[in-house]
PDB file of N, CA and C in Angstrom:
ATOM      1  N   MET A   1     -68.751 -52.262 -19.215  1.00  0.00           N
ATOM      2  CA  MET A   1     -67.338 -52.374 -19.706  1.00  0.00           C
ATOM      3  C   MET A   1     -67.388 -52.707 -21.194  1.00  0.00           C
ATOM      4  N   LYS A   2     -66.608 -52.050 -21.986  1.00  0.00           N
ATOM      5  CA  LYS A   2     -66.647 -52.165 -23.389  1.00  0.00           C
ATOM      6  C   LYS A   2     -65.684 -53.341 -23.815  1.00  0.00           C
ATOM      7  N   LYS A   3     -66.110 -54.162 -24.664  1.00  0.00           N
ATOM      8  CA  LYS A   3     -65.365 -55.271 -25.127  1.00  0.00           C
ATOM      9  C   LYS A   3     -64.455 -54.829 -26.292  1.00  0.00           C
ATOM     10  N   ILE A   4     -63.263 -55.276 -26.366  1.00  0.00           N
ATOM     11  CA  ILE A   4     -62.275 -54.838 -27.327  1.00  0.00           C
ATOM     12  C   ILE A   4     -62.313 -55.940 -28.472  1.00  0.00           C
ATOM     13  N   ASN A   5     -62.439 -55.356 -29.729  1.00  0.00           N
ATOM     14  CA  ASN A   5     -62.412 -56.186 -30.900  1.00  0.00           C
ATOM     15  C   ASN A   5     -60.969 -56.364 -31.390  1.00  0.00           C
ATOM     16  N   LYS A   6     -60.405 -57.537 -31.114  1.00  0.00           N
ATOM     17  CA  LYS A   6     -59.003 -57.804 -31.478  1.00  0.00           C
ATOM     18  C   LYS A   6     -58.679 -57.688 -32.906  1.00  0.00           C
ATOM     19  N   GLY A   7     -59.626 -58.065 -33.745  1.00  0.00           N
ATOM     20  CA  GLY A   7     -59.428 -57.951 -35.211  1.00  0.00           C
ATOM     21  C   GLY A   7     -59.372 -56.521 -35.607  1.00  0.00           C
ATOM     22  N   ARG A   8     -60.236 -55.711 -35.137  1.00  0.00           N
ATOM     23  CA  ARG A   8     -60.221 -54.289 -35.483  1.00  0.00           C
ATOM     24  C   ARG A   8     -58.872 -53.644 -35.029  1.00  0.00           C
ATOM     25  N   VAL A   9     -58.458 -53.933 -33.769  1.00  0.00           N
ATOM     26  CA  VAL A   9     -57.205 -53.440 -33.245  1.00  0.00           C
ATOM     27  C   VAL A   9     -56.010 -53.860 -34.169  1.00  0.00           C
ATOM     28  N   ALA A  10     -56.009 -55.071 -34.542  1.00  0.00           N
ATOM     29  CA  ALA A  10     -54.950 -55.542 -35.452  1.00  0.00           C
ATOM     30  C   ALA A  10     -54.884 -54.886 -36.798  1.00  0.00           C
ATOM     31  N   ARG A  11     -56.122 -54.656 -37.367  1.00  0.00           N
ATOM     32  CA  ARG A  11     -56.202 -53.940 -38.637  1.00  0.00           C
ATOM     33  C   ARG A  11     -55.764 -52.484 -38.474  1.00  0.00           C
ATOM     34  N   GLU A  12     -56.095 -51.846 -37.408  1.00  0.00           N
ATOM     35  CA  GLU A  12     -55.718 -50.454 -37.292  1.00  0.00           C
ATOM     36  C   GLU A  12     -54.237 -50.342 -36.971  1.00  0.00           C
ATOM     37  N   ALA A  13     -53.662 -51.263 -36.191  1.00  0.00           N
ATOM     38  CA  ALA A  13     -52.206 -51.325 -35.993  1.00  0.00           C
ATOM     39  C   ALA A  13     -51.411 -51.484 -37.345  1.00  0.00           C
ATOM     40  N   LYS A  14     -51.980 -52.365 -38.177  1.00  0.00           N
ATOM     41  CA  LYS A  14     -51.262 -52.631 -39.429  1.00  0.00           C
ATOM     42  C   LYS A  14     -51.381 -51.392 -40.273  1.00  0.00           C
ATOM     43  N   GLN A  15     -52.527 -50.677 -40.312  1.00  0.00           N
ATOM     44  CA  GLN A  15     -52.640 -49.472 -41.056  1.00  0.00           C
ATOM     45  C   GLN A  15     -51.674 -48.466 -40.635  1.00  0.00           C
ATOM     46  N   ILE A  16     -51.584 -48.267 -39.311  1.00  0.00           N
ATOM     47  CA  ILE A  16     -50.571 -47.248 -38.751  1.00  0.00           C
ATOM     48  C   ILE A  16     -49.125 -47.687 -39.232  1.00  0.00           C
ATOM     49  N   MET A  17     -48.796 -48.969 -39.152  1.00  0.00           N
ATOM     50  CA  MET A  17     -47.460 -49.318 -39.475  1.00  0.00           C
ATOM     51  C   MET A  17     -47.195 -49.143 -41.012  1.00  0.00           C
ATOM     52  N   ASP A  18     -48.226 -49.423 -41.826  1.00  0.00           N
ATOM     53  CA  ASP A  18     -48.020 -49.203 -43.313  1.00  0.00           C
ATOM     54  C   ASP A  18     -47.935 -47.834 -43.568  1.00  0.00           C
ATOM     55  N   ASN A  19     -48.653 -46.936 -42.975  1.00  0.00           N
ATOM     56  CA  ASN A  19     -48.540 -45.529 -43.187  1.00  0.00           C
ATOM     57  C   ASN A  19     -47.176 -44.954 -42.767  1.00  0.00           C
ATOM     58  N   PHE A  20     -46.709 -45.518 -41.594  1.00  0.00           N
ATOM     59  CA  PHE A  20     -45.322 -45.107 -41.245  1.00  0.00           C
ATOM     60  C   PHE A  20     -44.322 -45.547 -42.162  1.00  0.00           C
ATOM     61  N   ILE A  21     -44.378 -46.747 -42.733  1.00  0.00           N
ATOM     62  CA  ILE A  21     -43.388 -47.235 -43.707  1.00  0.00           C
ATOM     63  C   ILE A  21     -43.447 -46.398 -44.965  1.00  0.00           C
ATOM     64  N   LYS A  22     -44.656 -46.034 -45.422  1.00  0.00           N
ATOM     65  CA  LYS A  22     -44.735 -45.198 -46.603  1.00  0.00           C
ATOM     66  C   LYS A  22     -44.097 -43.831 -46.371  1.00  0.00           C
ATOM     67  N   ALA A  23     -44.384 -43.251 -45.131  1.00  0.00           N
ATOM     68  CA  ALA A  23     -43.717 -41.959 -44.763  1.00  0.00           C
ATOM     69  C   ALA A  23     -42.219 -42.036 -44.742  1.00  0.00           C
ATOM     70  N   LEU A  24     -41.662 -43.136 -44.243  1.00  0.00           N
ATOM     71  CA  LEU A  24     -40.247 -43.335 -44.231  1.00  0.00           C
ATOM     72  C   LEU A  24     -39.685 -43.412 -45.711  1.00  0.00           C
ATOM     73  N   GLY A  25     -40.413 -44.004 -46.571  1.00  0.00           N
ATOM     74  CA  GLY A  25     -40.032 -44.138 -47.921  1.00  0.00           C
ATOM     75  C   GLY A  25     -39.861 -42.779 -48.644  1.00  0.00           C
ATOM     76  N   ARG A  26     -40.552 -41.783 -48.176  1.00  0.00           N
ATOM     77  CA  ARG A  26     -40.510 -40.427 -48.729  1.00  0.00           C
ATOM     78  C   ARG A  26     -39.309 -39.647 -48.206  1.00  0.00           C
ATOM     79  N   VAL A  27     -38.648 -40.095 -47.162  1.00  0.00           N
ATOM     80  CA  VAL A  27     -37.567 -39.418 -46.567  1.00  0.00           C
ATOM     81  C   VAL A  27     -36.358 -39.538 -47.500  1.00  0.00           C
ATOM     82  N   ASP A  28     -35.775 -38.455 -47.797  1.00  0.00           N
ATOM     83  CA  ASP A  28     -34.655 -38.413 -48.791  1.00  0.00           C
ATOM     84  C   ASP A  28     -33.341 -38.248 -48.079  1.00  0.00           C
ATOM     85  N   GLN A  29     -33.131 -38.938 -46.959  1.00  0.00           N
ATOM     86  CA  GLN A  29     -31.986 -38.773 -46.147  1.00  0.00           C
ATOM     87  C   GLN A  29     -31.626 -40.093 -45.474  1.00  0.00           C
ATOM     88  N   GLU A  30     -30.327 -40.366 -45.490  1.00  0.00           N
ATOM     89  CA  GLU A  30     -29.899 -41.631 -44.781  1.00  0.00           C
ATOM     90  C   GLU A  30     -29.819 -41.301 -43.277  1.00  0.00           C
ATOM     91  N   ILE A  31     -30.361 -42.136 -42.536  1.00  0.00           N
ATOM     92  CA  ILE A  31     -30.346 -41.890 -41.099  1.00  0.00           C
ATOM     93  C   ILE A  31     -29.337 -42.924 -40.497  1.00  0.00           C
ATOM     94  N   LYS A  32     -28.398 -42.388 -39.796  1.00  0.00           N
ATOM     95  CA  LYS A  32     -27.363 -43.236 -39.217  1.00  0.00           C
ATOM     96  C   LYS A  32     -27.763 -43.470 -37.727  1.00  0.00           C
ATOM     97  N   VAL A  33     -27.725 -44.753 -37.362  1.00  0.00           N
ATOM     98  CA  VAL A  33     -28.095 -45.166 -36.022  1.00  0.00           C
ATOM     99  C   VAL A  33     -26.865 -45.792 -35.372  1.00  0.00           C
ATOM    100  N   GLY A  34     -26.655 -45.414 -34.098  1.00  0.00           N
ATOM    101  CA  GLY A  34     -25.465 -45.955 -33.340  1.00  0.00           C
ATOM    102  C   GLY A  34     -24.437 -44.901 -33.106  1.00  0.00           C
ATOM    103  N   PHE A  35     -23.321 -45.342 -32.805  1.00  0.00           N
ATOM    104  CA  PHE A  35     -22.258 -44.465 -32.503  1.00  0.00           C
ATOM    105  C   PHE A  35     -20.859 -45.081 -32.871  1.00  0.00           C
ATOM    106  N   GLU A  36     -19.927 -44.314 -33.036  1.00  0.00           N
ATOM    107  CA  GLU A  36     -18.481 -44.763 -33.258  1.00  0.00           C
ATOM    108  C   GLU A  36     -17.560 -44.351 -32.160  1.00  0.00           C
ATOM    109  N   ARG A  37     -16.676 -45.128 -31.851  1.00  0.00           N
ATOM    110  CA  ARG A  37     -15.685 -44.847 -30.867  1.00  0.00           C
ATOM    111  C   ARG A  37     -14.367 -44.478 -31.561  1.00  0.00           C
ATOM    112  N   GLU A  38     -13.604 -43.638 -30.900  1.00  0.00           N
ATOM    113  CA  GLU A  38     -12.283 -43.299 -31.445  1.00  0.00           C
ATOM    114  C   GLU A  38     -11.368 -44.521 -31.443  1.00  0.00           C
ATOM    115  N   GLU A  39     -11.514 -45.331 -30.406  1.00  0.00           N
ATOM    116  CA  GLU A  39     -10.661 -46.546 -30.251  1.00  0.00           C
ATOM    117  C   GLU A  39     -11.684 -47.652 -29.978  1.00  0.00           C
ATOM    118  N   ALA A  40     -11.393 -48.778 -30.697  1.00  0.00           N
ATOM    119  CA  ALA A  40     -12.386 -49.882 -30.628  1.00  0.00           C
ATOM    120  C   ALA A  40     -12.139 -50.709 -29.408  1.00  0.00           C
ATOM    121  N   THR A  41     -10.986 -50.626 -28.790  1.00  0.00           N
ATOM    122  CA  THR A  41     -10.701 -51.508 -27.617  1.00  0.00           C
ATOM    123  C   THR A  41     -10.235 -50.641 -26.473  1.00  0.00           C
ATOM    124  N   ARG A  42     -10.246 -51.240 -25.256  1.00  0.00           N
ATOM    125  CA  ARG A  42      -9.718 -50.521 -24.120  1.00  0.00           C
ATOM    126  C   ARG A  42      -8.267 -50.442 -24.138  1.00  0.00           C
ATOM    127  N   LYS A  43      -7.780 -49.415 -23.530  1.00  0.00           N
ATOM    128  CA  LYS A  43      -6.262 -49.250 -23.396  1.00  0.00           C
ATOM    129  C   LYS A  43      -5.782 -50.249 -22.384  1.00  0.00           C
ATOM    130  N   PRO A  44      -4.698 -50.914 -22.679  1.00  0.00           N
ATOM    131  CA  PRO A  44      -4.106 -51.941 -21.708  1.00  0.00           C
ATOM    132  C   PRO A  44      -3.756 -51.260 -20.378  1.00  0.00           C
ATOM    133  N   VAL A  45      -4.039 -51.973 -19.291  1.00  0.00           N
ATOM    134  CA  VAL A  45      -3.698 -51.475 -17.956  1.00  0.00           C
ATOM    135  C   VAL A  45      -2.328 -51.886 -17.653  1.00  0.00           C
ATOM    136  N   LYS A  46      -1.445 -50.901 -17.237  1.00  0.00           N
ATOM    137  CA  LYS A  46      -0.071 -51.261 -16.972  1.00  0.00           C
ATOM    138  C   LYS A  46       0.182 -51.464 -15.528  1.00  0.00           C
ATOM    139  N   GLU A  47      -0.775 -51.112 -14.719  1.00  0.00           N
ATOM    140  CA  GLU A  47      -0.660 -51.280 -13.243  1.00  0.00           C
ATOM    141  C   GLU A  47      -1.166 -52.659 -12.882  1.00  0.00           C
ATOM    142  N   LYS A  48      -0.374 -53.200 -11.842  1.00  0.00           N
ATOM    143  CA  LYS A  48      -0.885 -54.450 -11.338  1.00  0.00           C
ATOM    144  C   LYS A  48      -1.855 -54.161 -10.186  1.00  0.00           C
ATOM    145  N   PRO A  49      -2.741 -55.165  -9.996  1.00  0.00           N
ATOM    146  CA  PRO A  49      -3.745 -55.036  -8.879  1.00  0.00           C
ATOM    147  C   PRO A  49      -2.994 -54.949  -7.582  1.00  0.00           C
ATOM    148  N   ASP A  50      -3.549 -54.239  -6.655  1.00  0.00           N
ATOM    149  CA  ASP A  50      -2.963 -54.078  -5.359  1.00  0.00           C
ATOM    150  C   ASP A  50      -3.067 -55.393  -4.518  1.00  0.00           C
ATOM    151  N   SER A  51      -2.190 -55.508  -3.632  1.00  0.00           N
ATOM    152  CA  SER A  51      -2.076 -56.774  -2.769  1.00  0.00           C
ATOM    153  C   SER A  51      -3.395 -57.120  -1.976  1.00  0.00           C
ATOM    154  N   GLU A  52      -4.115 -56.079  -1.567  1.00  0.00           N
ATOM    155  CA  GLU A  52      -5.337 -56.360  -0.872  1.00  0.00           C
ATOM    156  C   GLU A  52      -6.444 -56.957  -1.839  1.00  0.00           C
ATOM    157  N   PHE A  53      -6.404 -56.458  -3.013  1.00  0.00           N
ATOM    158  CA  PHE A  53      -7.357 -57.080  -3.946  1.00  0.00           C
ATOM    159  C   PHE A  53      -7.011 -58.524  -4.252  1.00  0.00           C
ATOM    160  N   ILE A  54      -5.728 -58.790  -4.527  1.00  0.00           N
ATOM    161  CA  ILE A  54      -5.273 -60.173  -4.802  1.00  0.00           C
ATOM    162  C   ILE A  54      -5.583 -61.030  -3.635  1.00  0.00           C
ATOM    163  N   GLU A  55      -5.258 -60.579  -2.362  1.00  0.00           N
ATOM    164  CA  GLU A  55      -5.580 -61.446  -1.254  1.00  0.00           C
ATOM    165  C   GLU A  55      -7.052 -61.721  -1.065  1.00  0.00           C
ATOM    166  N   ALA A  56      -7.881 -60.771  -1.327  1.00  0.00           N
ATOM    167  CA  ALA A  56      -9.323 -60.956  -1.145  1.00  0.00           C
ATOM    168  C   ALA A  56      -9.804 -61.953  -2.299  1.00  0.00           C
ATOM    169  N   MET A  57      -9.295 -61.936  -3.479  1.00  0.00           N
ATOM    170  CA  MET A  57      -9.739 -62.806  -4.517  1.00  0.00           C
ATOM    171  C   MET A  57      -9.313 -64.225  -4.145  1.00  0.00           C
ATOM    172  N   PHE A  58      -8.106 -64.434  -3.702  1.00  0.00           N
ATOM    173  CA  PHE A  58      -7.642 -65.801  -3.344  1.00  0.00           C
ATOM    174  C   PHE A  58      -8.409 -66.263  -2.069  1.00  0.00           C
ATOM    175  N   LYS A  59      -8.748 -65.372  -1.147  1.00  0.00           N
ATOM    176  CA  LYS A  59      -9.528 -65.783   0.053  1.00  0.00           C
ATOM    177  C   LYS A  59     -10.944 -66.254  -0.344  1.00  0.00           C
ATOM    178  N   ASN A  60     -11.528 -65.592  -1.353  1.00  0.00           N
ATOM    179  CA  ASN A  60     -12.863 -65.887  -1.790  1.00  0.00           C
ATOM    180  C   ASN A  60     -12.910 -67.142  -2.673  1.00  0.00           C
ATOM    181  N   ALA A  61     -11.829 -67.465  -3.287  1.00  0.00           N
ATOM    182  CA  ALA A  61     -11.752 -68.621  -4.206  1.00  0.00           C
ATOM    183  C   ALA A  61     -11.869 -69.868  -3.548  1.00  0.00           C
ATOM    184  N   PRO A  62     -12.655 -70.840  -4.126  1.00  0.00           N
ATOM    185  CA  PRO A  62     -12.820 -72.202  -3.448  1.00  0.00           C
ATOM    186  C   PRO A  62     -11.453 -72.934  -3.329  1.00  0.00           C
ATOM    187  N   LYS A  63     -10.677 -72.785  -4.326  1.00  0.00           N
ATOM    188  CA  LYS A  63      -9.358 -73.482  -4.399  1.00  0.00           C
ATOM    189  C   LYS A  63      -8.332 -72.623  -5.086  1.00  0.00           C
ATOM    190  N   SER A  64      -7.054 -72.706  -4.613  1.00  0.00           N
ATOM    191  CA  SER A  64      -5.949 -71.957  -5.306  1.00  0.00           C
ATOM    192  C   SER A  64      -4.668 -72.726  -5.096  1.00  0.00           C
ATOM    193  N   ASP A  65      -3.675 -72.406  -5.900  1.00  0.00           N
ATOM    194  CA  ASP A  65      -2.386 -73.090  -5.720  1.00  0.00           C
ATOM    195  C   ASP A  65      -1.378 -72.035  -5.330  1.00  0.00           C
ATOM    196  N   GLY A  66      -1.783 -70.937  -4.892  1.00  0.00           N
ATOM    197  CA  GLY A  66      -0.890 -69.791  -4.397  1.00  0.00           C
ATOM    198  C   GLY A  66      -0.721 -68.797  -5.429  1.00  0.00           C
ATOM    199  N   GLU A  67      -0.760 -69.165  -6.706  1.00  0.00           N
ATOM    200  CA  GLU A  67      -0.560 -68.164  -7.787  1.00  0.00           C
ATOM    201  C   GLU A  67      -1.788 -68.060  -8.698  1.00  0.00           C
ATOM    202  N   HIS A  68      -2.605 -69.239  -8.700  1.00  0.00           N
ATOM    203  CA  HIS A  68      -3.734 -69.301  -9.595  1.00  0.00           C
ATOM    204  C   HIS A  68      -4.939 -69.773  -8.847  1.00  0.00           C
ATOM    205  N   ILE A  69      -6.073 -69.257  -9.276  1.00  0.00           N
ATOM    206  CA  ILE A  69      -7.364 -69.707  -8.734  1.00  0.00           C
ATOM    207  C   ILE A  69      -7.757 -70.939  -9.599  1.00  0.00           C
ATOM    208  N   ILE A  70      -8.106 -72.043  -8.844  1.00  0.00           N
ATOM    209  CA  ILE A  70      -8.602 -73.270  -9.418  1.00  0.00           C
ATOM    210  C   ILE A  70     -10.052 -73.332  -9.308  1.00  0.00           C
ATOM    211  N   ALA A  71     -10.778 -73.261 -10.421  1.00  0.00           N
ATOM    212  CA  ALA A  71     -12.236 -73.268 -10.302  1.00  0.00           C
ATOM    213  C   ALA A  71     -12.801 -74.100 -11.472  1.00  0.00           C
ATOM    214  N   GLU A  72     -13.949 -74.754 -11.205  1.00  0.00           N
ATOM    215  CA  GLU A  72     -14.715 -75.471 -12.158  1.00  0.00           C
ATOM    216  C   GLU A  72     -15.612 -74.554 -12.902  1.00  0.00           C
ATOM    217  N   LYS A  73     -15.893 -74.781 -14.149  1.00  0.00           N
ATOM    218  CA  LYS A  73     -16.799 -73.986 -14.883  1.00  0.00           C
ATOM    219  C   LYS A  73     -18.161 -74.024 -14.245  1.00  0.00           C
ATOM    220  N   ALA A  74     -18.729 -72.789 -14.046  1.00  0.00           N
ATOM    221  CA  ALA A  74     -20.092 -72.566 -13.490  1.00  0.00           C
ATOM    222  C   ALA A  74     -20.152 -72.959 -12.050  1.00  0.00           C
ATOM    223  N   LYS A  75     -19.066 -73.148 -11.339  1.00  0.00           N
ATOM    224  CA  LYS A  75     -19.167 -73.468  -9.941  1.00  0.00           C
ATOM    225  C   LYS A  75     -18.914 -72.274  -9.004  1.00  0.00           C
ATOM    226  N   TRP A  76     -18.091 -71.270  -9.478  1.00  0.00           N
ATOM    227  CA  TRP A  76     -17.728 -70.231  -8.658  1.00  0.00           C
ATOM    228  C   TRP A  76     -18.385 -68.953  -8.953  1.00  0.00           C
TER     229      TRP A  76
END
């Protein structure tokens, strides 16, 4: 089994990175990374949740007052 020389690997990795940085420096073009959305936020939902969803949420909640879920931070 061949033993790996960590110092040699580190030097070779640095040389590869240095060469890559030099090559990028020769590129005469701006590279844009990412994407843009037409709208920055979601459109508001005008529909109300259906009654089955509301019933399931209140049934699953530890406490409620009929209209609101009462929960402690990080408990539910």
